[in-house]
């Protein structure tokens, strides 16, 4: 029992240090215990529950593995890694009506990935839109951030 408690505490400490090392003010990352396929499916369901459609799935892990061989680099970066891109017509419209230059925030993207050294752990990450421009633009970008956070929060459950 004591050994389990110590292992659990060490794991929590490692995760906290790991999160601190990858912390970036413009990136939000949730750590989820589980398998890649299950967490990815929950992410897809969280999108579909909001009536959103995935426009594109970037298979980043497979691309890096394939190109790594071409570059003579065999160290795996990810176990599995994909970036799901999607859009929200209403939120995108609000964001770009507030400032047409906000087009750079669309489509929205959430990465789902695993790391080879951390089995049983899946990461969900997205770029947090920085508040910029008019008050209307700041409100619209905050809505984008809330949408992304809500989707990831649902998928992480």
N, C-alpha and C. Protein backbone atom coordinates (compact mmCIF):
# COMPACT_ATOMS: atom_id res chain seq x y z
N UNK A 1 0.82 -1.19 0.00
CA UNK A 1 0.00 0.00 0.00
C UNK A 1 0.87 1.26 0.00
N UNK A 2 1.89 1.25 0.85
CA UNK A 2 2.79 2.40 0.95
C UNK A 2 3.51 2.62 -0.38
N UNK A 3 3.96 1.53 -1.00
CA UNK A 3 4.67 1.64 -2.28
C UNK A 3 3.75 2.24 -3.35
N UNK A 4 2.49 1.85 -3.34
CA UNK A 4 1.54 2.41 -4.32
C UNK A 4 1.35 3.90 -4.11
N UNK A 5 1.24 4.30 -2.86
CA UNK A 5 1.07 5.71 -2.53
C UNK A 5 2.28 6.51 -2.99
N UNK A 6 3.46 5.98 -2.71
CA UNK A 6 4.68 6.67 -3.12
C UNK A 6 4.76 6.76 -4.64
N UNK A 7 4.45 5.66 -5.33
CA UNK A 7 4.45 5.67 -6.81
C UNK A 7 3.45 6.69 -7.34
N UNK A 8 2.28 6.75 -6.73
CA UNK A 8 1.27 7.72 -7.16
C UNK A 8 1.74 9.15 -6.97
N UNK A 9 2.37 9.42 -5.84
CA UNK A 9 2.89 10.76 -5.58
C UNK A 9 4.02 11.11 -6.54
N UNK A 10 4.89 10.14 -6.82
CA UNK A 10 5.96 10.39 -7.78
C UNK A 10 5.41 10.68 -9.16
N UNK A 11 4.38 9.94 -9.57
CA UNK A 11 3.75 10.18 -10.86
C UNK A 11 3.16 11.58 -10.93
N UNK A 12 2.47 11.99 -9.87
CA UNK A 12 1.90 13.34 -9.84
C UNK A 12 2.98 14.40 -9.91
N UNK A 13 4.07 14.20 -9.18
CA UNK A 13 5.18 15.15 -9.23
C UNK A 13 5.78 15.22 -10.62
N UNK A 14 5.97 14.03 -11.24
CA UNK A 14 6.54 14.00 -12.58
C UNK A 14 5.63 14.73 -13.56
N UNK A 15 4.31 14.50 -13.45
CA UNK A 15 3.36 15.16 -14.35
C UNK A 15 3.39 16.67 -14.14
N UNK A 16 3.50 17.12 -12.90
CA UNK A 16 3.55 18.56 -12.63
C UNK A 16 4.81 19.18 -13.22
N UNK A 17 5.96 18.50 -13.04
CA UNK A 17 7.21 19.00 -13.60
C UNK A 17 7.14 18.97 -15.12
N UNK A 18 6.60 17.90 -15.68
CA UNK A 18 6.47 17.78 -17.13
C UNK A 18 5.59 18.89 -17.68
N UNK A 19 4.45 19.15 -17.02
CA UNK A 19 3.55 20.21 -17.47
C UNK A 19 4.24 21.56 -17.37
N UNK A 20 5.01 21.77 -16.31
CA UNK A 20 5.71 23.04 -16.15
C UNK A 20 6.75 23.23 -17.25
N UNK A 21 7.41 22.13 -17.65
CA UNK A 21 8.42 22.23 -18.69
C UNK A 21 7.79 22.56 -20.05
N UNK A 22 6.57 22.13 -20.28
CA UNK A 22 5.93 22.37 -21.57
C UNK A 22 4.98 23.56 -21.53
N UNK A 23 4.87 24.20 -20.37
CA UNK A 23 3.95 25.32 -20.23
C UNK A 23 4.32 26.44 -21.21
N UNK A 24 3.34 26.96 -21.86
CA UNK A 24 3.49 28.07 -22.80
C UNK A 24 2.22 28.88 -22.67
N UNK A 25 2.33 30.19 -22.52
CA UNK A 25 1.13 30.99 -22.26
C UNK A 25 0.08 30.94 -23.37
N UNK A 26 0.47 30.59 -24.58
CA UNK A 26 -0.47 30.56 -25.69
C UNK A 26 -0.95 29.15 -26.03
N UNK A 27 -0.59 28.17 -25.20
CA UNK A 27 -0.98 26.78 -25.44
C UNK A 27 -1.62 26.23 -24.17
N UNK A 28 -2.76 25.58 -24.34
CA UNK A 28 -3.41 24.91 -23.23
C UNK A 28 -3.31 23.41 -23.46
N UNK A 29 -2.88 22.67 -22.45
CA UNK A 29 -2.73 21.23 -22.57
C UNK A 29 -3.39 20.54 -21.40
N UNK A 30 -4.22 19.55 -21.71
CA UNK A 30 -4.84 18.70 -20.69
C UNK A 30 -4.22 17.32 -20.78
N UNK A 31 -3.91 16.75 -19.65
CA UNK A 31 -3.36 15.41 -19.57
C UNK A 31 -4.48 14.48 -19.18
N UNK A 32 -4.65 13.41 -19.96
CA UNK A 32 -5.75 12.47 -19.73
C UNK A 32 -5.18 11.07 -19.62
N UNK A 33 -5.59 10.33 -18.62
CA UNK A 33 -5.20 8.92 -18.50
C UNK A 33 -6.10 8.12 -19.44
N UNK A 34 -5.50 7.21 -20.20
CA UNK A 34 -6.30 6.38 -21.09
C UNK A 34 -5.55 6.06 -22.36
N UNK A 35 -6.28 5.56 -23.31
CA UNK A 35 -5.72 5.19 -24.60
C UNK A 35 -6.01 6.25 -25.65
N UNK A 36 -5.12 6.36 -26.61
CA UNK A 36 -5.26 7.35 -27.67
C UNK A 36 -6.60 7.24 -28.38
N UNK A 37 -6.96 6.04 -28.83
CA UNK A 37 -8.19 5.88 -29.61
C UNK A 37 -9.43 6.29 -28.83
N UNK A 38 -9.46 5.95 -27.54
CA UNK A 38 -10.62 6.32 -26.71
C UNK A 38 -10.72 7.84 -26.54
N UNK A 39 -9.59 8.48 -26.24
CA UNK A 39 -9.60 9.92 -26.03
C UNK A 39 -9.91 10.64 -27.34
N UNK A 40 -9.35 10.16 -28.44
CA UNK A 40 -9.63 10.77 -29.74
C UNK A 40 -11.13 10.67 -30.05
N UNK A 41 -11.71 9.51 -29.78
CA UNK A 41 -13.14 9.33 -30.03
C UNK A 41 -13.97 10.29 -29.16
N UNK A 42 -13.56 10.48 -27.92
CA UNK A 42 -14.28 11.43 -27.05
C UNK A 42 -14.14 12.86 -27.58
N UNK A 43 -12.98 13.18 -28.15
CA UNK A 43 -12.79 14.50 -28.75
C UNK A 43 -13.72 14.68 -29.95
N UNK A 44 -13.79 13.68 -30.80
CA UNK A 44 -14.70 13.73 -31.96
C UNK A 44 -16.14 13.90 -31.48
N UNK A 45 -16.53 13.15 -30.46
CA UNK A 45 -17.90 13.25 -29.92
C UNK A 45 -18.17 14.63 -29.34
N UNK A 46 -17.18 15.22 -28.66
CA UNK A 46 -17.34 16.55 -28.09
C UNK A 46 -17.56 17.59 -29.20
N UNK A 47 -16.89 17.41 -30.32
CA UNK A 47 -17.10 18.30 -31.46
C UNK A 47 -18.49 18.09 -32.05
N UNK A 48 -18.84 16.84 -32.29
CA UNK A 48 -20.13 16.53 -32.90
C UNK A 48 -21.29 16.92 -31.99
N UNK A 49 -21.11 16.82 -30.68
CA UNK A 49 -22.16 17.24 -29.74
C UNK A 49 -22.50 18.72 -29.87
N UNK A 50 -21.59 19.49 -30.44
CA UNK A 50 -21.81 20.92 -30.65
C UNK A 50 -22.21 21.23 -32.10
N UNK A 51 -22.44 20.18 -32.87
CA UNK A 51 -22.82 20.37 -34.27
C UNK A 51 -21.65 20.77 -35.15
N UNK A 52 -20.43 20.54 -34.68
CA UNK A 52 -19.24 20.91 -35.44
C UNK A 52 -18.77 19.71 -36.27
N UNK A 53 -18.15 20.02 -37.40
CA UNK A 53 -17.68 18.99 -38.32
C UNK A 53 -16.18 19.15 -38.48
N UNK A 54 -15.47 18.03 -38.43
CA UNK A 54 -14.02 18.06 -38.63
C UNK A 54 -13.76 18.30 -40.11
N UNK A 55 -13.02 19.38 -40.42
CA UNK A 55 -12.67 19.70 -41.80
C UNK A 55 -11.50 18.86 -42.29
N UNK A 56 -10.56 18.62 -41.37
CA UNK A 56 -9.32 17.96 -41.77
C UNK A 56 -8.68 17.32 -40.54
N UNK A 57 -8.09 16.17 -40.74
CA UNK A 57 -7.30 15.53 -39.70
C UNK A 57 -5.86 15.44 -40.19
N UNK A 58 -4.99 16.16 -39.51
CA UNK A 58 -3.56 16.13 -39.84
C UNK A 58 -2.93 15.00 -39.04
N UNK A 59 -2.39 14.04 -39.71
CA UNK A 59 -1.76 12.89 -39.05
C UNK A 59 -0.27 13.20 -38.84
N UNK A 60 -0.03 14.08 -37.90
CA UNK A 60 1.31 14.63 -37.64
C UNK A 60 2.29 13.53 -37.21
N UNK A 61 1.85 12.64 -36.34
CA UNK A 61 2.73 11.57 -35.87
C UNK A 61 3.22 10.70 -37.01
N UNK A 62 2.31 10.28 -37.88
CA UNK A 62 2.68 9.44 -39.03
C UNK A 62 3.59 10.20 -39.98
N UNK A 63 3.34 11.48 -40.18
CA UNK A 63 4.18 12.28 -41.07
C UNK A 63 5.60 12.38 -40.52
N UNK A 64 5.73 12.64 -39.21
CA UNK A 64 7.06 12.75 -38.62
C UNK A 64 7.81 11.42 -38.66
N UNK A 65 7.08 10.34 -38.46
CA UNK A 65 7.71 9.02 -38.53
C UNK A 65 8.22 8.76 -39.94
N UNK A 66 7.39 9.05 -40.94
CA UNK A 66 7.76 8.81 -42.34
C UNK A 66 8.93 9.70 -42.76
N UNK A 67 8.85 10.98 -42.46
CA UNK A 67 9.91 11.90 -42.89
C UNK A 67 11.17 11.73 -42.06
N UNK A 68 11.02 11.26 -40.81
CA UNK A 68 12.19 10.99 -39.99
C UNK A 68 13.08 9.95 -40.63
N UNK A 69 12.46 8.91 -41.18
CA UNK A 69 13.25 7.88 -41.87
C UNK A 69 14.01 8.50 -43.04
N UNK A 70 13.36 9.40 -43.78
CA UNK A 70 14.01 10.05 -44.93
C UNK A 70 15.16 10.94 -44.49
N UNK A 71 15.06 11.47 -43.27
CA UNK A 71 16.10 12.37 -42.76
C UNK A 71 17.17 11.63 -41.95
N UNK A 72 17.01 10.32 -41.81
CA UNK A 72 17.95 9.54 -41.03
C UNK A 72 17.77 9.70 -39.53
N UNK A 73 16.57 10.08 -39.11
CA UNK A 73 16.26 10.24 -37.69
C UNK A 73 15.23 9.20 -37.29
N UNK A 74 15.62 8.33 -36.38
CA UNK A 74 14.71 7.25 -36.03
C UNK A 74 14.10 7.39 -34.64
N UNK A 75 14.43 8.44 -33.92
CA UNK A 75 13.86 8.65 -32.59
C UNK A 75 12.39 9.05 -32.73
N UNK A 76 11.48 8.26 -32.15
CA UNK A 76 10.06 8.63 -32.26
C UNK A 76 9.74 9.85 -31.40
N UNK A 77 8.99 10.77 -31.97
CA UNK A 77 8.56 11.96 -31.24
C UNK A 77 7.26 11.67 -30.51
N UNK A 78 6.36 10.98 -31.18
CA UNK A 78 5.05 10.66 -30.62
C UNK A 78 4.79 9.16 -30.72
N UNK A 79 3.89 8.68 -29.86
CA UNK A 79 3.33 7.36 -30.05
C UNK A 79 2.34 7.47 -31.19
N UNK A 80 1.30 8.26 -30.97
CA UNK A 80 0.33 8.62 -32.00
C UNK A 80 0.08 10.11 -31.85
N UNK A 81 -0.21 10.78 -32.97
CA UNK A 81 -0.46 12.22 -32.90
C UNK A 81 -1.28 12.67 -34.10
N UNK A 82 -2.38 13.35 -33.79
CA UNK A 82 -3.23 13.93 -34.84
C UNK A 82 -3.66 15.33 -34.39
N UNK A 83 -3.94 16.17 -35.38
CA UNK A 83 -4.51 17.48 -35.11
C UNK A 83 -5.84 17.54 -35.87
N UNK A 84 -6.92 17.75 -35.13
CA UNK A 84 -8.25 17.83 -35.73
C UNK A 84 -8.60 19.30 -35.95
N UNK A 85 -8.91 19.64 -37.19
CA UNK A 85 -9.28 21.01 -37.54
C UNK A 85 -10.77 21.08 -37.81
N UNK A 86 -11.39 22.16 -37.35
CA UNK A 86 -12.84 22.33 -37.48
C UNK A 86 -13.15 23.82 -37.40
N UNK A 87 -14.41 24.15 -37.63
CA UNK A 87 -14.84 25.53 -37.59
C UNK A 87 -16.23 25.62 -36.97
N UNK A 88 -16.55 26.77 -36.45
CA UNK A 88 -17.89 27.07 -35.96
C UNK A 88 -18.37 28.28 -36.76
N UNK A 89 -19.41 28.11 -37.55
CA UNK A 89 -19.88 29.20 -38.41
C UNK A 89 -20.23 30.44 -37.59
N UNK A 90 -20.95 30.27 -36.49
CA UNK A 90 -21.38 31.42 -35.69
C UNK A 90 -20.19 32.12 -35.03
N UNK A 91 -19.35 31.35 -34.36
CA UNK A 91 -18.22 31.96 -33.65
C UNK A 91 -17.22 32.55 -34.64
N UNK A 92 -16.98 31.87 -35.74
CA UNK A 92 -16.07 32.41 -36.75
C UNK A 92 -16.61 33.70 -37.34
N UNK A 93 -17.90 33.72 -37.62
CA UNK A 93 -18.53 34.94 -38.16
C UNK A 93 -18.38 36.09 -37.17
N UNK A 94 -18.69 35.84 -35.91
CA UNK A 94 -18.55 36.88 -34.88
C UNK A 94 -17.12 37.38 -34.80
N UNK A 95 -16.18 36.46 -34.84
CA UNK A 95 -14.76 36.80 -34.71
C UNK A 95 -14.29 37.66 -35.88
N UNK A 96 -14.71 37.30 -37.09
CA UNK A 96 -14.23 38.03 -38.26
C UNK A 96 -15.03 39.30 -38.54
N UNK A 97 -16.27 39.35 -38.09
CA UNK A 97 -16.99 40.63 -38.17
C UNK A 97 -16.37 41.64 -37.23
N UNK A 98 -15.90 41.17 -36.08
CA UNK A 98 -15.24 42.05 -35.12
C UNK A 98 -13.93 42.59 -35.69
N UNK A 99 -13.22 41.73 -36.43
CA UNK A 99 -11.96 42.15 -37.05
C UNK A 99 -11.63 41.14 -38.14
N UNK A 100 -11.71 41.55 -39.40
CA UNK A 100 -11.44 40.61 -40.49
C UNK A 100 -10.06 39.95 -40.41
N UNK A 101 -9.12 40.60 -39.74
CA UNK A 101 -7.77 40.03 -39.60
C UNK A 101 -7.75 38.83 -38.65
N UNK A 102 -8.84 38.62 -37.93
CA UNK A 102 -8.95 37.44 -37.06
C UNK A 102 -9.10 36.16 -37.86
N UNK A 103 -9.09 36.27 -39.18
CA UNK A 103 -9.17 35.08 -40.04
C UNK A 103 -8.08 34.07 -39.70
N UNK A 104 -6.95 34.56 -39.18
CA UNK A 104 -5.83 33.66 -38.89
C UNK A 104 -6.17 32.66 -37.78
N UNK A 105 -7.23 32.89 -37.02
CA UNK A 105 -7.61 31.97 -35.95
C UNK A 105 -8.47 30.81 -36.45
N UNK A 106 -8.91 30.87 -37.70
CA UNK A 106 -9.79 29.86 -38.24
C UNK A 106 -9.06 29.08 -39.33
N UNK A 107 -9.13 27.79 -39.42
CA UNK A 107 -9.94 26.91 -38.60
C UNK A 107 -9.30 26.73 -37.22
N UNK A 108 -10.10 26.23 -36.30
CA UNK A 108 -9.64 25.93 -34.96
C UNK A 108 -9.03 24.53 -35.00
N UNK A 109 -8.10 24.28 -34.09
CA UNK A 109 -7.41 22.99 -34.11
C UNK A 109 -7.15 22.51 -32.69
N UNK A 110 -7.35 21.22 -32.49
CA UNK A 110 -7.03 20.58 -31.22
C UNK A 110 -6.16 19.37 -31.54
N UNK A 111 -5.02 19.31 -30.88
CA UNK A 111 -4.10 18.18 -31.06
C UNK A 111 -4.41 17.12 -30.01
N UNK A 112 -4.35 15.87 -30.42
CA UNK A 112 -4.49 14.73 -29.52
C UNK A 112 -3.27 13.84 -29.79
N UNK A 113 -2.50 13.54 -28.72
CA UNK A 113 -1.26 12.81 -28.95
C UNK A 113 -0.78 12.08 -27.71
N UNK A 114 0.10 11.12 -27.95
CA UNK A 114 0.75 10.39 -26.88
C UNK A 114 2.26 10.54 -27.06
N UNK A 115 2.97 10.34 -25.96
CA UNK A 115 4.43 10.39 -25.98
C UNK A 115 4.96 8.99 -25.67
N UNK A 116 5.99 8.55 -26.40
CA UNK A 116 6.49 7.20 -26.22
C UNK A 116 6.90 6.87 -24.78
N UNK A 117 7.42 7.84 -24.06
CA UNK A 117 7.93 7.59 -22.71
C UNK A 117 6.84 7.62 -21.63
N UNK A 118 5.60 7.93 -22.03
CA UNK A 118 4.53 8.09 -21.04
C UNK A 118 3.32 7.25 -21.46
N UNK A 119 3.41 5.93 -21.32
CA UNK A 119 2.29 5.07 -21.73
C UNK A 119 1.05 5.33 -20.87
N UNK A 120 -0.11 5.20 -21.51
CA UNK A 120 -1.37 5.38 -20.80
C UNK A 120 -1.75 6.82 -20.56
N UNK A 121 -1.02 7.73 -21.17
CA UNK A 121 -1.30 9.16 -21.03
C UNK A 121 -1.52 9.76 -22.40
N UNK A 122 -2.59 10.54 -22.53
CA UNK A 122 -2.92 11.21 -23.77
C UNK A 122 -2.99 12.70 -23.48
N UNK A 123 -2.51 13.50 -24.42
CA UNK A 123 -2.50 14.95 -24.27
C UNK A 123 -3.48 15.55 -25.27
N UNK A 124 -4.21 16.55 -24.81
CA UNK A 124 -5.09 17.35 -25.66
C UNK A 124 -4.59 18.79 -25.57
N UNK A 125 -4.21 19.36 -26.70
CA UNK A 125 -3.64 20.71 -26.70
C UNK A 125 -4.27 21.57 -27.77
N UNK A 126 -4.32 22.87 -27.48
CA UNK A 126 -4.79 23.83 -28.46
C UNK A 126 -4.14 25.18 -28.20
N UNK A 127 -4.11 26.01 -29.25
CA UNK A 127 -3.60 27.38 -29.11
C UNK A 127 -4.69 28.25 -28.52
N UNK A 128 -4.34 29.00 -27.50
CA UNK A 128 -5.28 29.92 -26.86
C UNK A 128 -5.21 31.24 -27.60
N UNK A 129 -6.34 31.69 -28.17
CA UNK A 129 -6.30 32.97 -28.89
C UNK A 129 -6.05 34.12 -27.91
N UNK A 130 -5.04 34.91 -28.20
CA UNK A 130 -4.71 36.06 -27.36
C UNK A 130 -5.74 37.17 -27.60
N UNK A 131 -6.22 37.79 -26.53
CA UNK A 131 -7.17 38.89 -26.72
C UNK A 131 -6.49 40.05 -27.44
N UNK A 132 -7.09 40.50 -28.52
CA UNK A 132 -6.48 41.57 -29.30
C UNK A 132 -7.56 42.39 -30.00
N UNK A 133 -7.25 43.63 -30.24
CA UNK A 133 -8.14 44.50 -31.01
C UNK A 133 -9.19 45.19 -30.15
N UNK A 134 -10.29 45.47 -30.78
CA UNK A 134 -11.40 46.18 -30.12
C UNK A 134 -12.02 45.31 -29.04
N UNK A 135 -12.87 45.93 -28.25
CA UNK A 135 -13.59 45.18 -27.21
C UNK A 135 -14.42 44.06 -27.85
N UNK A 136 -15.01 44.34 -29.01
CA UNK A 136 -15.80 43.33 -29.71
C UNK A 136 -14.92 42.15 -30.15
N UNK A 137 -13.71 42.47 -30.64
CA UNK A 137 -12.78 41.43 -31.06
C UNK A 137 -12.31 40.61 -29.86
N UNK A 138 -12.02 41.27 -28.76
CA UNK A 138 -11.59 40.57 -27.55
C UNK A 138 -12.68 39.61 -27.08
N UNK A 139 -13.93 40.06 -27.10
CA UNK A 139 -15.06 39.19 -26.70
C UNK A 139 -15.18 37.99 -27.64
N UNK A 140 -15.06 38.24 -28.93
CA UNK A 140 -15.18 37.16 -29.92
C UNK A 140 -14.06 36.14 -29.76
N UNK A 141 -12.85 36.61 -29.54
CA UNK A 141 -11.72 35.69 -29.36
C UNK A 141 -11.84 34.93 -28.04
N UNK A 142 -12.40 35.57 -27.04
CA UNK A 142 -12.65 34.86 -25.77
C UNK A 142 -13.66 33.74 -25.99
N UNK A 143 -14.64 33.96 -26.86
CA UNK A 143 -15.61 32.91 -27.18
C UNK A 143 -14.94 31.73 -27.89
N UNK A 144 -13.97 32.02 -28.73
CA UNK A 144 -13.20 30.95 -29.38
C UNK A 144 -12.46 30.15 -28.31
N UNK A 145 -11.79 30.86 -27.41
CA UNK A 145 -11.06 30.19 -26.33
C UNK A 145 -11.97 29.34 -25.46
N UNK A 146 -13.16 29.86 -25.16
CA UNK A 146 -14.11 29.10 -24.34
C UNK A 146 -14.58 27.85 -25.09
N UNK A 147 -14.86 27.99 -26.37
CA UNK A 147 -15.28 26.83 -27.17
C UNK A 147 -14.21 25.73 -27.11
N UNK A 148 -12.96 26.11 -27.36
CA UNK A 148 -11.88 25.13 -27.34
C UNK A 148 -11.73 24.49 -25.96
N UNK A 149 -11.78 25.31 -24.92
CA UNK A 149 -11.66 24.79 -23.55
C UNK A 149 -12.81 23.85 -23.21
N UNK A 150 -14.02 24.21 -23.62
CA UNK A 150 -15.18 23.35 -23.35
C UNK A 150 -15.08 22.01 -24.07
N UNK A 151 -14.64 22.04 -25.31
CA UNK A 151 -14.51 20.81 -26.08
C UNK A 151 -13.46 19.90 -25.43
N UNK A 152 -12.31 20.47 -25.11
CA UNK A 152 -11.25 19.67 -24.48
C UNK A 152 -11.70 19.18 -23.11
N UNK A 153 -12.40 20.02 -22.36
CA UNK A 153 -12.89 19.61 -21.05
C UNK A 153 -13.83 18.41 -21.15
N UNK A 154 -14.72 18.44 -22.13
CA UNK A 154 -15.63 17.32 -22.32
C UNK A 154 -14.87 16.05 -22.74
N UNK A 155 -13.92 16.20 -23.64
CA UNK A 155 -13.17 15.04 -24.13
C UNK A 155 -12.28 14.46 -23.02
N UNK A 156 -11.85 15.28 -22.07
CA UNK A 156 -10.96 14.84 -21.01
C UNK A 156 -11.68 14.07 -19.90
N UNK A 157 -12.99 14.11 -19.86
CA UNK A 157 -13.75 13.43 -18.79
C UNK A 157 -13.67 11.93 -18.90
